[in-house]
Amino acid sequence: MTVFDEFMNFRQQREASLRTPHGWLSVVGLYWLENERTRIGSTAECDIHIESSTQFCITFHLSNETRVFAETSCASVTVNNHPFSEGELYSDESGSPSIIRIDSISIELLRRSGKFAVRVRDSRQKKITQFPPLQWYPETESFRLPATFVAHPHDKTMPISLALGGTYELSNPGYLRFNFNGNEYQLEVIKQGNANQLFVIFKDKTNGDYSYGGGRFLFIPFDLWDEKVSALTIDFNRSISPPCAFTEAATCPLPPANNSLPFAVEAGELKPYNSFG
């Protein structure tokens, strides 16, 4: 398979991932659990109303801002595909979040900056099929650049600001050093779970006019456990818009201050039609 074929396959997979029943186009809301008790569902007594053909109400109990319990009398509610009536829920910080499902609705518990929220998705959301196809810059070799991974001291973290406010402390294993048009640049790297890839959030001079205003994401294959290897390729053709470009119900990490490139990266995903930035 040629590099171009691989890139086209990447684009197709990217489009498909957005349109899965539980992709970012299925998101219908994000709600913070600000009270000790919050009722969410489709019935009249709920504090937060969700459109659904199934009548249900789930009560979330917040305990000391460290644990969340839930209860419901609706027999069709499941958590991680098991029948559920009451019990503790686990957030996405745990690595194995509790996913509540009722008919086409799914509810996931999140934790950001010490606060809990629930993200609601609907697999029947019309946006999944009606959202226009993604647009891209033409694939170009000029933005496929050799780079070097430079490791930071072990266990280094960095605060990352979130689009909806607050900060998130994330693992910062190192930075990428590369050259473009005769000048050297650096991009700080984040690690999120997968030790076989690097996560870069960056801004450049295309943001707002041509690409998403809040910056773009780039995932780069790389084995962090192999300390003998430092060379890699930054392929900006694979830069993508963050979830915030498709929904206001995403918390989205923002680019670190050091990751603002002073040139236009005319490669990768363009700003989505009707994006939120």
C-alpha atoms as a PDB file:
ATOM      1  CA  MET A   1       0.000   0.000   0.000  1.00  0.00           C
ATOM      2  CA  THR A   2       1.389   3.419  -0.963  1.00  0.00           C
ATOM      3  CA  VAL A   3       1.638   6.368   1.434  1.00  0.00           C
ATOM      4  CA  PHE A   4      -1.229   8.013  -0.448  1.00  0.00           C
ATOM      5  CA  ASP A   5      -3.374   4.866  -0.137  1.00  0.00           C
ATOM      6  CA  GLU A   6      -2.661   4.741   3.599  1.00  0.00           C
ATOM      7  CA  PHE A   7      -3.678   8.381   3.936  1.00  0.00           C
ATOM      8  CA  MET A   8      -6.952   7.834   2.062  1.00  0.00           C
ATOM      9  CA  ASN A   9      -7.671   4.826   4.263  1.00  0.00           C
ATOM     10  CA  PHE A  10      -7.002   7.011   7.319  1.00  0.00           C
ATOM     11  CA  ARG A  11      -9.490   9.597   6.038  1.00  0.00           C
ATOM     12  CA  GLN A  12     -12.174   6.960   5.494  1.00  0.00           C
ATOM     13  CA  GLN A  13     -11.667   5.558   8.995  1.00  0.00           C
ATOM     14  CA  ARG A  14     -11.814   9.058  10.459  1.00  0.00           C
ATOM     15  CA  GLU A  15     -15.138   9.769   8.726  1.00  0.00           C
ATOM     16  CA  ALA A  16     -16.562   6.418   9.818  1.00  0.00           C
ATOM     17  CA  SER A  17     -15.526   6.899  13.462  1.00  0.00           C
ATOM     18  CA  LEU A  18     -17.447  10.180  13.682  1.00  0.00           C
ATOM     19  CA  ARG A  19     -20.589   8.520  12.340  1.00  0.00           C
ATOM     20  CA  THR A  20     -20.678   5.441  14.536  1.00  0.00           C
ATOM     21  CA  PRO A  21     -23.779   5.169  16.785  1.00  0.00           C
ATOM     22  CA  HIS A  22     -21.668   6.379  19.712  1.00  0.00           C
ATOM     23  CA  GLY A  23     -19.291   8.739  17.871  1.00  0.00           C
ATOM     24  CA  TRP A  24     -19.011  12.482  18.450  1.00  0.00           C
ATOM     25  CA  LEU A  25     -21.896  13.284  16.099  1.00  0.00           C
ATOM     26  CA  SER A  26     -24.230  11.326  18.401  1.00  0.00           C
ATOM     27  CA  VAL A  27     -23.593  13.606  21.410  1.00  0.00           C
ATOM     28  CA  VAL A  28     -26.688  15.529  22.538  1.00  0.00           C
ATOM     29  CA  GLY A  29     -25.618  17.056  25.852  1.00  0.00           C
ATOM     30  CA  LEU A  30     -23.132  17.495  28.687  1.00  0.00           C
ATOM     31  CA  TYR A  31     -24.474  18.103  32.198  1.00  0.00           C
ATOM     32  CA  TRP A  32     -22.483  18.852  35.356  1.00  0.00           C
ATOM     33  CA  LEU A  33     -23.559  17.158  38.586  1.00  0.00           C
ATOM     34  CA  GLU A  34     -23.549  20.249  40.784  1.00  0.00           C
ATOM     35  CA  ASN A  35     -26.011  19.113  43.464  1.00  0.00           C
ATOM     36  CA  GLU A  36     -25.979  16.201  45.884  1.00  0.00           C
ATOM     37  CA  ARG A  37     -28.908  14.735  43.940  1.00  0.00           C
ATOM     38  CA  THR A  38     -29.641  15.167  40.221  1.00  0.00           C
ATOM     39  CA  ARG A  39     -32.403  13.363  38.311  1.00  0.00           C
ATOM     40  CA  ILE A  40     -31.821  12.853  34.588  1.00  0.00           C
ATOM     41  CA  GLY A  41     -34.238  11.249  32.147  1.00  0.00           C
ATOM     42  CA  SER A  42     -37.343  11.584  30.005  1.00  0.00           C
ATOM     43  CA  THR A  43     -40.048  11.756  32.688  1.00  0.00           C
ATOM     44  CA  ALA A  44     -41.603  14.914  34.126  1.00  0.00           C
ATOM     45  CA  GLU A  45     -39.980  14.710  37.565  1.00  0.00           C
ATOM     46  CA  CYS A  46     -36.431  14.806  36.143  1.00  0.00           C
ATOM     47  CA  ASP A  47     -34.261  17.884  36.741  1.00  0.00           C
ATOM     48  CA  ILE A  48     -32.570  17.423  33.350  1.00  0.00           C
ATOM     49  CA  HIS A  49     -34.804  16.302  30.498  1.00  0.00           C
ATOM     50  CA  ILE A  50     -33.625  13.963  27.741  1.00  0.00           C
ATOM     51  CA  GLU A  51     -35.734  13.184  24.685  1.00  0.00           C
ATOM     52  CA  SER A  52     -36.402   9.439  24.497  1.00  0.00           C
ATOM     53  CA  SER A  53     -39.163   7.092  23.390  1.00  0.00           C
ATOM     54  CA  THR A  54     -38.553   5.142  26.614  1.00  0.00           C
ATOM     55  CA  GLN A  55     -39.801   6.608  29.888  1.00  0.00           C
ATOM     56  CA  PHE A  56     -36.990   6.632  32.449  1.00  0.00           C
ATOM     57  CA  CYS A  57     -35.454   8.652  35.262  1.00  0.00           C
ATOM     58  CA  ILE A  58     -32.040   8.029  36.836  1.00  0.00           C
ATOM     59  CA  THR A  59     -31.085   9.676  40.122  1.00  0.00           C
ATOM     60  CA  PHE A  60     -27.392  10.521  40.554  1.00  0.00           C
ATOM     61  CA  HIS A  61     -26.105  10.969  44.111  1.00  0.00           C
ATOM     62  CA  LEU A  62     -22.848  12.870  44.577  1.00  0.00           C
ATOM     63  CA  SER A  63     -20.870  11.883  47.684  1.00  0.00           C
ATOM     64  CA  ASN A  64     -18.102  14.291  48.783  1.00  0.00           C
ATOM     65  CA  GLU A  65     -17.224  14.980  45.120  1.00  0.00           C
ATOM     66  CA  THR A  66     -15.272  11.711  45.013  1.00  0.00           C
ATOM     67  CA  ARG A  67     -17.934   9.067  44.327  1.00  0.00           C
ATOM     68  CA  VAL A  68     -21.182   8.900  42.370  1.00  0.00           C
ATOM     69  CA  PHE A  69     -24.036   6.498  43.049  1.00  0.00           C
ATOM     70  CA  ALA A  70     -27.086   6.061  40.841  1.00  0.00           C
ATOM     71  CA  GLU A  71     -30.494   4.440  41.138  1.00  0.00           C
ATOM     72  CA  THR A  72     -33.462   3.890  38.857  1.00  0.00           C
ATOM     73  CA  SER A  73     -36.735   1.983  38.786  1.00  0.00           C
ATOM     74  CA  CYS A  74     -36.657   1.599  34.998  1.00  0.00           C
ATOM     75  CA  ALA A  75     -36.209  -2.089  34.159  1.00  0.00           C
ATOM     76  CA  SER A  76     -34.631  -1.438  30.738  1.00  0.00           C
ATOM     77  CA  VAL A  77     -31.598   0.451  32.103  1.00  0.00           C
ATOM     78  CA  THR A  78     -28.232  -1.310  31.814  1.00  0.00           C
ATOM     79  CA  VAL A  79     -24.703  -0.393  32.892  1.00  0.00           C
ATOM     80  CA  ASN A  80     -21.930  -1.873  30.762  1.00  0.00           C
ATOM     81  CA  ASN A  81     -24.530  -4.234  29.268  1.00  0.00           C
ATOM     82  CA  HIS A  82     -25.705  -5.595  32.634  1.00  0.00           C
ATOM     83  CA  PRO A  83     -29.149  -4.920  34.199  1.00  0.00           C
ATOM     84  CA  PHE A  84     -28.939  -2.037  36.650  1.00  0.00           C
ATOM     85  CA  SER A  85     -31.130  -0.692  39.442  1.00  0.00           C
ATOM     86  CA  GLU A  86     -28.606   0.920  41.800  1.00  0.00           C
ATOM     87  CA  GLY A  87     -24.892   1.097  42.511  1.00  0.00           C
ATOM     88  CA  GLU A  88     -21.676   3.083  42.245  1.00  0.00           C
ATOM     89  CA  LEU A  89     -20.620   4.480  38.866  1.00  0.00           C
ATOM     90  CA  TYR A  90     -17.062   4.911  37.617  1.00  0.00           C
ATOM     91  CA  SER A  91     -15.886   7.879  35.568  1.00  0.00           C
ATOM     92  CA  ASP A  92     -13.691   7.949  32.471  1.00  0.00           C
ATOM     93  CA  GLU A  93     -10.715   8.676  34.766  1.00  0.00           C
ATOM     94  CA  SER A  94     -10.893   5.066  35.953  1.00  0.00           C
ATOM     95  CA  GLY A  95     -10.048   3.730  32.493  1.00  0.00           C
ATOM     96  CA  SER A  96     -13.204   1.570  32.612  1.00  0.00           C
ATOM     97  CA  PRO A  97     -16.090   4.053  32.774  1.00  0.00           C
ATOM     98  CA  SER A  98     -19.661   3.067  33.554  1.00  0.00           C
ATOM     99  CA  ILE A  99     -21.806   3.377  30.412  1.00  0.00           C
ATOM    100  CA  ILE A 100     -25.537   3.618  31.103  1.00  0.00           C
ATOM    101  CA  ARG A 101     -27.804   2.594  28.215  1.00  0.00           C
ATOM    102  CA  ILE A 102     -31.547   2.964  27.720  1.00  0.00           C
ATOM    103  CA  ASP A 103     -32.861   2.243  24.223  1.00  0.00           C
ATOM    104  CA  SER A 104     -30.878   4.555  21.877  1.00  0.00           C
ATOM    105  CA  ILE A 105     -29.551   6.706  24.747  1.00  0.00           C
ATOM    106  CA  SER A 106     -26.153   6.222  26.394  1.00  0.00           C
ATOM    107  CA  ILE A 107     -24.859   8.173  29.399  1.00  0.00           C
ATOM    108  CA  GLU A 108     -21.185   8.277  30.400  1.00  0.00           C
ATOM    109  CA  LEU A 109     -19.801   9.608  33.682  1.00  0.00           C
ATOM    110  CA  LEU A 110     -16.898  12.079  33.303  1.00  0.00           C
ATOM    111  CA  ARG A 111     -14.583  13.762  35.803  1.00  0.00           C
ATOM    112  CA  ARG A 112     -12.781  17.002  34.965  1.00  0.00           C
ATOM    113  CA  SER A 113     -10.855  19.252  37.362  1.00  0.00           C
ATOM    114  CA  GLY A 114     -12.347  17.327  40.288  1.00  0.00           C
ATOM    115  CA  LYS A 115     -15.947  17.775  39.098  1.00  0.00           C
ATOM    116  CA  PHE A 116     -18.344  15.135  37.759  1.00  0.00           C
ATOM    117  CA  ALA A 117     -20.495  15.427  34.640  1.00  0.00           C
ATOM    118  CA  VAL A 118     -22.491  13.133  32.386  1.00  0.00           C
ATOM    119  CA  ARG A 119     -22.246  13.100  28.602  1.00  0.00           C
ATOM    120  CA  VAL A 120     -25.388  11.958  26.791  1.00  0.00           C
ATOM    121  CA  ARG A 121     -25.439  10.394  23.321  1.00  0.00           C
ATOM    122  CA  ASP A 122     -28.292   9.255  21.093  1.00  0.00           C
ATOM    123  CA  SER A 123     -27.495   6.656  18.422  1.00  0.00           C
ATOM    124  CA  ARG A 124     -30.557   7.887  16.471  1.00  0.00           C
ATOM    125  CA  GLN A 125     -29.297  11.468  16.344  1.00  0.00           C
ATOM    126  CA  LYS A 126     -30.059  12.847  12.856  1.00  0.00           C
ATOM    127  CA  LYS A 127     -26.719  14.649  12.798  1.00  0.00           C
ATOM    128  CA  ILE A 128     -24.951  11.289  12.343  1.00  0.00           C
ATOM    129  CA  THR A 129     -26.237  10.954   8.787  1.00  0.00           C
ATOM    130  CA  GLN A 130     -26.963  14.592   7.935  1.00  0.00           C
ATOM    131  CA  PHE A 131     -23.588  16.137   8.849  1.00  0.00           C
ATOM    132  CA  PRO A 132     -21.630  17.051   5.673  1.00  0.00           C
ATOM    133  CA  PRO A 133     -18.527  14.992   4.784  1.00  0.00           C
ATOM    134  CA  LEU A 134     -15.218  16.172   6.197  1.00  0.00           C
ATOM    135  CA  GLN A 135     -12.993  18.341   4.006  1.00  0.00           C
ATOM    136  CA  TRP A 136      -9.193  18.076   3.849  1.00  0.00           C
ATOM    137  CA  TYR A 137      -6.167  19.875   2.503  1.00  0.00           C
ATOM    138  CA  PRO A 138      -4.632  17.960  -0.432  1.00  0.00           C
ATOM    139  CA  GLU A 139      -2.175  15.354   0.832  1.00  0.00           C
ATOM    140  CA  THR A 140       1.365  16.756   0.615  1.00  0.00           C
ATOM    141  CA  GLU A 141       4.849  15.403   1.254  1.00  0.00           C
ATOM    142  CA  SER A 142       6.036  18.847   2.413  1.00  0.00           C
ATOM    143  CA  PHE A 143       4.195  18.400   5.728  1.00  0.00           C
ATOM    144  CA  ARG A 144       5.478  14.898   6.383  1.00  0.00           C
ATOM    145  CA  LEU A 145       8.523  15.787   8.482  1.00  0.00           C
ATOM    146  CA  PRO A 146      11.298  13.797  10.186  1.00  0.00           C
ATOM    147  CA  ALA A 147      11.497  14.501  13.905  1.00  0.00           C
ATOM    148  CA  THR A 148      13.211  13.456  17.108  1.00  0.00           C
ATOM    149  CA  PHE A 149      11.459  12.530  20.351  1.00  0.00           C
ATOM    150  CA  VAL A 150      13.260  14.050  23.349  1.00  0.00           C
ATOM    151  CA  ALA A 151      12.214  12.526  26.670  1.00  0.00           C
ATOM    152  CA  HIS A 152      11.390  14.553  29.765  1.00  0.00           C
ATOM    153  CA  PRO A 153      12.193  13.198  33.242  1.00  0.00           C
ATOM    154  CA  HIS A 154       9.913  10.297  34.158  1.00  0.00           C
ATOM    155  CA  ASP A 155       6.519  11.131  35.684  1.00  0.00           C
ATOM    156  CA  LYS A 156       6.515  14.709  34.347  1.00  0.00           C
ATOM    157  CA  THR A 157       3.038  16.156  33.908  1.00  0.00           C
ATOM    158  CA  MET A 158       1.692  19.408  32.531  1.00  0.00           C
ATOM    159  CA  PRO A 159      -1.551  21.316  33.154  1.00  0.00           C
ATOM    160  CA  ILE A 160      -3.814  21.393  30.111  1.00  0.00           C
ATOM    161  CA  SER A 161      -6.658  23.908  29.925  1.00  0.00           C
ATOM    162  CA  LEU A 162     -10.098  22.651  28.909  1.00  0.00           C
ATOM    163  CA  ALA A 163     -12.445  24.318  26.427  1.00  0.00           C
ATOM    164  CA  LEU A 164     -15.259  24.506  29.004  1.00  0.00           C
ATOM    165  CA  GLY A 165     -13.003  25.828  31.760  1.00  0.00           C
ATOM    166  CA  GLY A 166     -10.689  24.303  34.327  1.00  0.00           C
ATOM    167  CA  THR A 167      -7.443  22.402  33.863  1.00  0.00           C
ATOM    168  CA  TYR A 168      -6.450  18.773  33.582  1.00  0.00           C
ATOM    169  CA  GLU A 169      -3.067  17.370  34.655  1.00  0.00           C
ATOM    170  CA  LEU A 170      -1.775  15.037  31.939  1.00  0.00           C
ATOM    171  CA  SER A 171       1.360  12.958  31.450  1.00  0.00           C
ATOM    172  CA  ASN A 172       4.010  14.878  29.456  1.00  0.00           C
ATOM    173  CA  PRO A 173       6.676  12.292  28.517  1.00  0.00           C
ATOM    174  CA  GLY A 174       8.673  14.553  26.186  1.00  0.00           C
ATOM    175  CA  TYR A 175       8.652  16.820  23.167  1.00  0.00           C
ATOM    176  CA  LEU A 176       9.191  16.557  19.413  1.00  0.00           C
ATOM    177  CA  ARG A 177      12.012  18.468  17.748  1.00  0.00           C
ATOM    178  CA  PHE A 178      11.783  19.080  14.006  1.00  0.00           C
ATOM    179  CA  ASN A 179      12.795  21.477  11.229  1.00  0.00           C
ATOM    180  CA  PHE A 180      10.562  23.322   8.787  1.00  0.00           C
ATOM    181  CA  ASN A 181      11.823  25.722   6.116  1.00  0.00           C
ATOM    182  CA  GLY A 182      15.220  25.926   7.786  1.00  0.00           C
ATOM    183  CA  ASN A 183      13.969  26.665  11.303  1.00  0.00           C
ATOM    184  CA  GLU A 184      13.806  24.348  14.326  1.00  0.00           C
ATOM    185  CA  TYR A 185      10.567  23.926  16.290  1.00  0.00           C
ATOM    186  CA  GLN A 186       9.314  21.933  19.256  1.00  0.00           C
ATOM    187  CA  LEU A 187       5.944  20.425  20.160  1.00  0.00           C
ATOM    188  CA  GLU A 188       5.150  19.125  23.636  1.00  0.00           C
ATOM    189  CA  VAL A 189       3.700  15.620  23.726  1.00  0.00           C
ATOM    190  CA  ILE A 190       0.926  14.166  25.887  1.00  0.00           C
ATOM    191  CA  LYS A 191       0.398  10.508  26.722  1.00  0.00           C
ATOM    192  CA  GLN A 192      -3.139   9.258  27.296  1.00  0.00           C
ATOM    193  CA  GLY A 193      -3.258   5.557  28.085  1.00  0.00           C
ATOM    194  CA  ASN A 194      -1.732   4.177  24.873  1.00  0.00           C
ATOM    195  CA  ALA A 195       2.054   3.802  25.190  1.00  0.00           C
ATOM    196  CA  ASN A 196       2.289   3.108  21.453  1.00  0.00           C
ATOM    197  CA  GLN A 197       1.301   6.580  20.313  1.00  0.00           C
ATOM    198  CA  LEU A 198       2.032  10.220  21.076  1.00  0.00           C
ATOM    199  CA  PHE A 199      -0.721  12.825  21.365  1.00  0.00           C
ATOM    200  CA  VAL A 200       0.002  16.366  20.161  1.00  0.00           C
ATOM    201  CA  ILE A 201      -2.379  19.331  20.471  1.00  0.00           C
ATOM    202  CA  PHE A 202      -1.184  22.279  18.403  1.00  0.00           C
ATOM    203  CA  LYS A 203      -2.164  25.625  16.936  1.00  0.00           C
ATOM    204  CA  ASP A 204      -0.960  27.187  13.692  1.00  0.00           C
ATOM    205  CA  LYS A 205      -1.724  30.098  11.377  1.00  0.00           C
ATOM    206  CA  THR A 206      -4.620  28.293   9.620  1.00  0.00           C
ATOM    207  CA  ASN A 207      -6.759  28.159  12.798  1.00  0.00           C
ATOM    208  CA  GLY A 208     -10.061  29.981  12.558  1.00  0.00           C
ATOM    209  CA  ASP A 209     -10.014  30.704   8.825  1.00  0.00           C
ATOM    210  CA  TYR A 210      -9.278  27.275   7.381  1.00  0.00           C
ATOM    211  CA  SER A 211      -8.887  24.805  10.245  1.00  0.00           C
ATOM    212  CA  TYR A 212     -10.721  24.634  13.571  1.00  0.00           C
ATOM    213  CA  GLY A 213     -10.108  27.752  15.674  1.00  0.00           C
ATOM    214  CA  GLY A 214      -9.197  25.888  18.861  1.00  0.00           C
ATOM    215  CA  GLY A 215      -6.324  23.984  17.272  1.00  0.00           C
ATOM    216  CA  ARG A 216      -5.982  20.432  16.023  1.00  0.00           C
ATOM    217  CA  PHE A 217      -5.061  16.972  17.317  1.00  0.00           C
ATOM    218  CA  LEU A 218      -2.338  14.717  15.945  1.00  0.00           C
ATOM    219  CA  PHE A 219      -1.700  11.110  16.985  1.00  0.00           C
ATOM    220  CA  ILE A 220       1.730   9.723  16.088  1.00  0.00           C
ATOM    221  CA  PRO A 221       2.674   6.019  16.281  1.00  0.00           C
ATOM    222  CA  PHE A 222       5.652   5.634  18.622  1.00  0.00           C
ATOM    223  CA  ASP A 223       6.776   3.086  21.221  1.00  0.00           C
ATOM    224  CA  LEU A 224       7.445   5.014  24.431  1.00  0.00           C
ATOM    225  CA  TRP A 225       8.863   1.897  26.069  1.00  0.00           C
ATOM    226  CA  ASP A 226      11.710   1.551  23.545  1.00  0.00           C
ATOM    227  CA  GLU A 227      14.306   4.020  24.842  1.00  0.00           C
ATOM    228  CA  LYS A 228      16.719   3.155  22.003  1.00  0.00           C
ATOM    229  CA  VAL A 229      14.434   4.725  19.389  1.00  0.00           C
ATOM    230  CA  SER A 230      13.986   8.498  19.101  1.00  0.00           C
ATOM    231  CA  ALA A 231      13.436   9.071  15.358  1.00  0.00           C
ATOM    232  CA  LEU A 232       9.899   9.356  14.001  1.00  0.00           C
ATOM    233  CA  THR A 233       7.808  11.143  11.373  1.00  0.00           C
ATOM    234  CA  ILE A 234       5.345  13.956  12.050  1.00  0.00           C
ATOM    235  CA  ASP A 235       2.659  13.611   9.387  1.00  0.00           C
ATOM    236  CA  PHE A 236       0.589  16.785   9.581  1.00  0.00           C
ATOM    237  CA  ASN A 237      -1.643  15.357   6.830  1.00  0.00           C
ATOM    238  CA  ARG A 238      -3.256  13.370   9.646  1.00  0.00           C
ATOM    239  CA  SER A 239      -4.083  16.411  11.783  1.00  0.00           C
ATOM    240  CA  ILE A 240      -7.739  16.312  12.825  1.00  0.00           C
ATOM    241  CA  SER A 241     -10.284  18.633  14.413  1.00  0.00           C
ATOM    242  CA  PRO A 242     -10.983  18.041  18.127  1.00  0.00           C
ATOM    243  CA  PRO A 243     -14.439  16.903  19.298  1.00  0.00           C
ATOM    244  CA  CYS A 244     -15.332  20.518  20.187  1.00  0.00           C
ATOM    245  CA  ALA A 245     -15.551  21.228  16.460  1.00  0.00           C
ATOM    246  CA  PHE A 246     -18.584  18.925  16.245  1.00  0.00           C
ATOM    247  CA  THR A 247     -20.396  19.473  19.548  1.00  0.00           C
ATOM    248  CA  GLU A 248     -20.573  21.993  22.375  1.00  0.00           C
ATOM    249  CA  ALA A 249     -20.819  19.048  24.778  1.00  0.00           C
ATOM    250  CA  ALA A 250     -17.108  18.170  24.653  1.00  0.00           C
ATOM    251  CA  THR A 251     -14.581  19.248  27.283  1.00  0.00           C
ATOM    252  CA  CYS A 252     -11.626  19.290  24.787  1.00  0.00           C
ATOM    253  CA  PRO A 253      -8.060  19.857  25.934  1.00  0.00           C
ATOM    254  CA  LEU A 254      -6.575  23.029  24.443  1.00  0.00           C
ATOM    255  CA  PRO A 255      -3.073  23.408  22.950  1.00  0.00           C
ATOM    256  CA  PRO A 256      -0.307  24.146  25.482  1.00  0.00           C
ATOM    257  CA  ALA A 257       1.207  27.623  25.125  1.00  0.00           C
ATOM    258  CA  ASN A 258       4.442  26.145  23.729  1.00  0.00           C
ATOM    259  CA  ASN A 259       2.575  24.321  20.953  1.00  0.00           C
ATOM    260  CA  SER A 260       1.626  27.366  18.887  1.00  0.00           C
ATOM    261  CA  LEU A 261       3.432  27.136  15.536  1.00  0.00           C
ATOM    262  CA  PRO A 262       4.232  30.480  13.832  1.00  0.00           C
ATOM    263  CA  PHE A 263       3.442  29.193  10.336  1.00  0.00           C
ATOM    264  CA  ALA A 264       0.458  27.802   8.437  1.00  0.00           C
ATOM    265  CA  VAL A 265       0.172  24.010   8.515  1.00  0.00           C
ATOM    266  CA  GLU A 266      -1.663  23.631   5.207  1.00  0.00           C
ATOM    267  CA  ALA A 267      -2.290  19.933   5.676  1.00  0.00           C
ATOM    268  CA  GLY A 268      -4.823  17.738   7.408  1.00  0.00           C
ATOM    269  CA  GLU A 269      -8.479  18.238   8.240  1.00  0.00           C
ATOM    270  CA  LEU A 270     -10.162  21.543   7.426  1.00  0.00           C
ATOM    271  CA  LYS A 271     -12.686  23.297   9.663  1.00  0.00           C
ATOM    272  CA  PRO A 272     -15.931  21.277   9.614  1.00  0.00           C
ATOM    273  CA  TYR A 273     -19.054  22.780   8.102  1.00  0.00           C
ATOM    274  CA  ASN A 274     -21.079  24.530  10.843  1.00  0.00           C
ATOM    275  CA  SER A 275     -18.282  23.917  13.356  1.00  0.00           C
ATOM    276  CA  PHE A 276     -18.343  25.472  16.828  1.00  0.00           C
ATOM    277  CA  GLY A 277     -15.140  27.466  16.376  1.00  0.00           C
END
